[in-house]
Amino acid sequence: MSVILSFCYKATEFSGTLRSSDEGEVSWVQKDQIPNLDLAYDMLPLMEMMEAPDKSEFFYRRRTEDGWEKKTF
């Protein structure tokens, strides 16, 4: 069994210059426009977890026939 960990950070301020890369274009968008974007798999549930004051972990328990069993803590 392999395990992959991803750490997510939330910031309240930014200074500097946004820089795009070979991985894609970087830009600021209004929060209400995020669901309209072409996002990475499970980005919206992950963002919901990050906004929840009582949650801090987004866990993929196991693969199922139609995706993943997920849990937030």
C-alpha atoms as a PDB file:
ATOM      1  CA  MET A   1       0.000   0.000   0.000  1.00  0.00           C
ATOM      2  CA  SER A   2       1.397   3.387  -0.955  1.00  0.00           C
ATOM      3  CA  VAL A   3       0.504   6.660   0.720  1.00  0.00           C
ATOM      4  CA  ILE A   4       0.654  10.116  -0.824  1.00  0.00           C
ATOM      5  CA  LEU A   5       0.432  13.199   1.375  1.00  0.00           C
ATOM      6  CA  SER A   6      -0.399  16.666   0.134  1.00  0.00           C
ATOM      7  CA  PHE A   7      -0.173  19.713   2.354  1.00  0.00           C
ATOM      8  CA  CYS A   8      -2.494  22.640   1.727  1.00  0.00           C
ATOM      9  CA  TYR A   9      -1.807  26.145   2.939  1.00  0.00           C
ATOM     10  CA  LYS A  10      -4.224  29.006   3.258  1.00  0.00           C
ATOM     11  CA  ALA A  11      -3.020  32.597   3.090  1.00  0.00           C
ATOM     12  CA  THR A  12      -4.800  35.836   3.832  1.00  0.00           C
ATOM     13  CA  GLU A  13      -2.329  38.116   2.033  1.00  0.00           C
ATOM     14  CA  PHE A  14      -0.106  38.047  -1.033  1.00  0.00           C
ATOM     15  CA  SER A  15       2.701  40.244  -2.216  1.00  0.00           C
ATOM     16  CA  GLY A  16       4.794  39.835  -5.318  1.00  0.00           C
ATOM     17  CA  THR A  17       4.015  38.851  -8.864  1.00  0.00           C
ATOM     18  CA  LEU A  18       2.012  35.858 -10.079  1.00  0.00           C
ATOM     19  CA  ARG A  19       4.078  33.783 -12.490  1.00  0.00           C
ATOM     20  CA  SER A  20       2.691  31.202 -14.871  1.00  0.00           C
ATOM     21  CA  SER A  21       4.713  28.128 -15.770  1.00  0.00           C
ATOM     22  CA  ASP A  22       4.697  25.151 -18.118  1.00  0.00           C
ATOM     23  CA  GLU A  23       2.050  23.651 -15.833  1.00  0.00           C
ATOM     24  CA  GLY A  24      -0.441  26.383 -16.726  1.00  0.00           C
ATOM     25  CA  GLU A  25      -1.591  29.964 -16.567  1.00  0.00           C
ATOM     26  CA  VAL A  26      -1.894  31.583 -13.130  1.00  0.00           C
ATOM     27  CA  SER A  27      -4.432  34.335 -12.490  1.00  0.00           C
ATOM     28  CA  TRP A  28      -6.662  35.771  -9.796  1.00  0.00           C
ATOM     29  CA  VAL A  29     -10.392  35.004 -10.058  1.00  0.00           C
ATOM     30  CA  GLN A  30     -13.426  35.871  -7.993  1.00  0.00           C
ATOM     31  CA  LYS A  31     -14.272  33.116  -5.518  1.00  0.00           C
ATOM     32  CA  ASP A  32     -17.774  32.655  -6.952  1.00  0.00           C
ATOM     33  CA  GLN A  33     -16.245  31.949 -10.397  1.00  0.00           C
ATOM     34  CA  ILE A  34     -14.103  29.015  -9.211  1.00  0.00           C
ATOM     35  CA  PRO A  35     -16.780  26.337  -9.927  1.00  0.00           C
ATOM     36  CA  ASN A  36     -16.831  27.508 -13.562  1.00  0.00           C
ATOM     37  CA  LEU A  37     -13.130  26.772 -14.075  1.00  0.00           C
ATOM     38  CA  ASP A  38     -11.451  23.612 -15.357  1.00  0.00           C
ATOM     39  CA  LEU A  39     -10.156  22.409 -11.980  1.00  0.00           C
ATOM     40  CA  ALA A  40      -8.129  19.473 -10.744  1.00  0.00           C
ATOM     41  CA  TYR A  41     -10.047  16.392  -9.583  1.00  0.00           C
ATOM     42  CA  ASP A  42     -11.768  17.047  -6.221  1.00  0.00           C
ATOM     43  CA  MET A  43     -10.581  20.652  -5.995  1.00  0.00           C
ATOM     44  CA  LEU A  44     -14.038  21.948  -4.966  1.00  0.00           C
ATOM     45  CA  PRO A  45     -14.508  19.492  -2.058  1.00  0.00           C
ATOM     46  CA  LEU A  46     -10.928  20.180  -0.981  1.00  0.00           C
ATOM     47  CA  MET A  47     -11.598  23.936  -0.987  1.00  0.00           C
ATOM     48  CA  GLU A  48     -14.809  23.387   0.993  1.00  0.00           C
ATOM     49  CA  MET A  49     -12.782  21.500   3.605  1.00  0.00           C
ATOM     50  CA  MET A  50     -10.265  24.346   3.795  1.00  0.00           C
ATOM     51  CA  GLU A  51     -13.069  26.870   4.364  1.00  0.00           C
ATOM     52  CA  ALA A  52     -14.720  24.811   7.115  1.00  0.00           C
ATOM     53  CA  PRO A  53     -13.584  26.042  10.551  1.00  0.00           C
ATOM     54  CA  ASP A  54     -13.982  22.575  12.083  1.00  0.00           C
ATOM     55  CA  LYS A  55     -12.125  20.582   9.355  1.00  0.00           C
ATOM     56  CA  SER A  56      -8.423  20.216   8.624  1.00  0.00           C
ATOM     57  CA  GLU A  57      -7.993  16.912   6.757  1.00  0.00           C
ATOM     58  CA  PHE A  58      -9.292  15.547   3.440  1.00  0.00           C
ATOM     59  CA  PHE A  59      -8.714  11.807   3.329  1.00  0.00           C
ATOM     60  CA  TYR A  60      -9.120   9.274   0.509  1.00  0.00           C
ATOM     61  CA  ARG A  61      -9.958   6.092   2.390  1.00  0.00           C
ATOM     62  CA  ARG A  62      -9.965   3.578  -0.454  1.00  0.00           C
ATOM     63  CA  ARG A  63     -10.671   3.264  -4.146  1.00  0.00           C
ATOM     64  CA  THR A  64     -14.181   2.171  -5.077  1.00  0.00           C
ATOM     65  CA  GLU A  65     -15.634   1.045  -8.399  1.00  0.00           C
ATOM     66  CA  ASP A  66     -16.732   4.583  -9.244  1.00  0.00           C
ATOM     67  CA  GLY A  67     -13.961   6.680  -7.666  1.00  0.00           C
ATOM     68  CA  TRP A  68     -12.837   7.066  -4.065  1.00  0.00           C
ATOM     69  CA  GLU A  69     -14.375   6.815  -0.627  1.00  0.00           C
ATOM     70  CA  LYS A  70     -13.526  10.182   0.982  1.00  0.00           C
ATOM     71  CA  LYS A  71     -13.703  11.582   4.483  1.00  0.00           C
ATOM     72  CA  THR A  72     -13.015  14.994   5.985  1.00  0.00           C
ATOM     73  CA  PHE A  73     -11.912  15.497   9.568  1.00  0.00           C
END
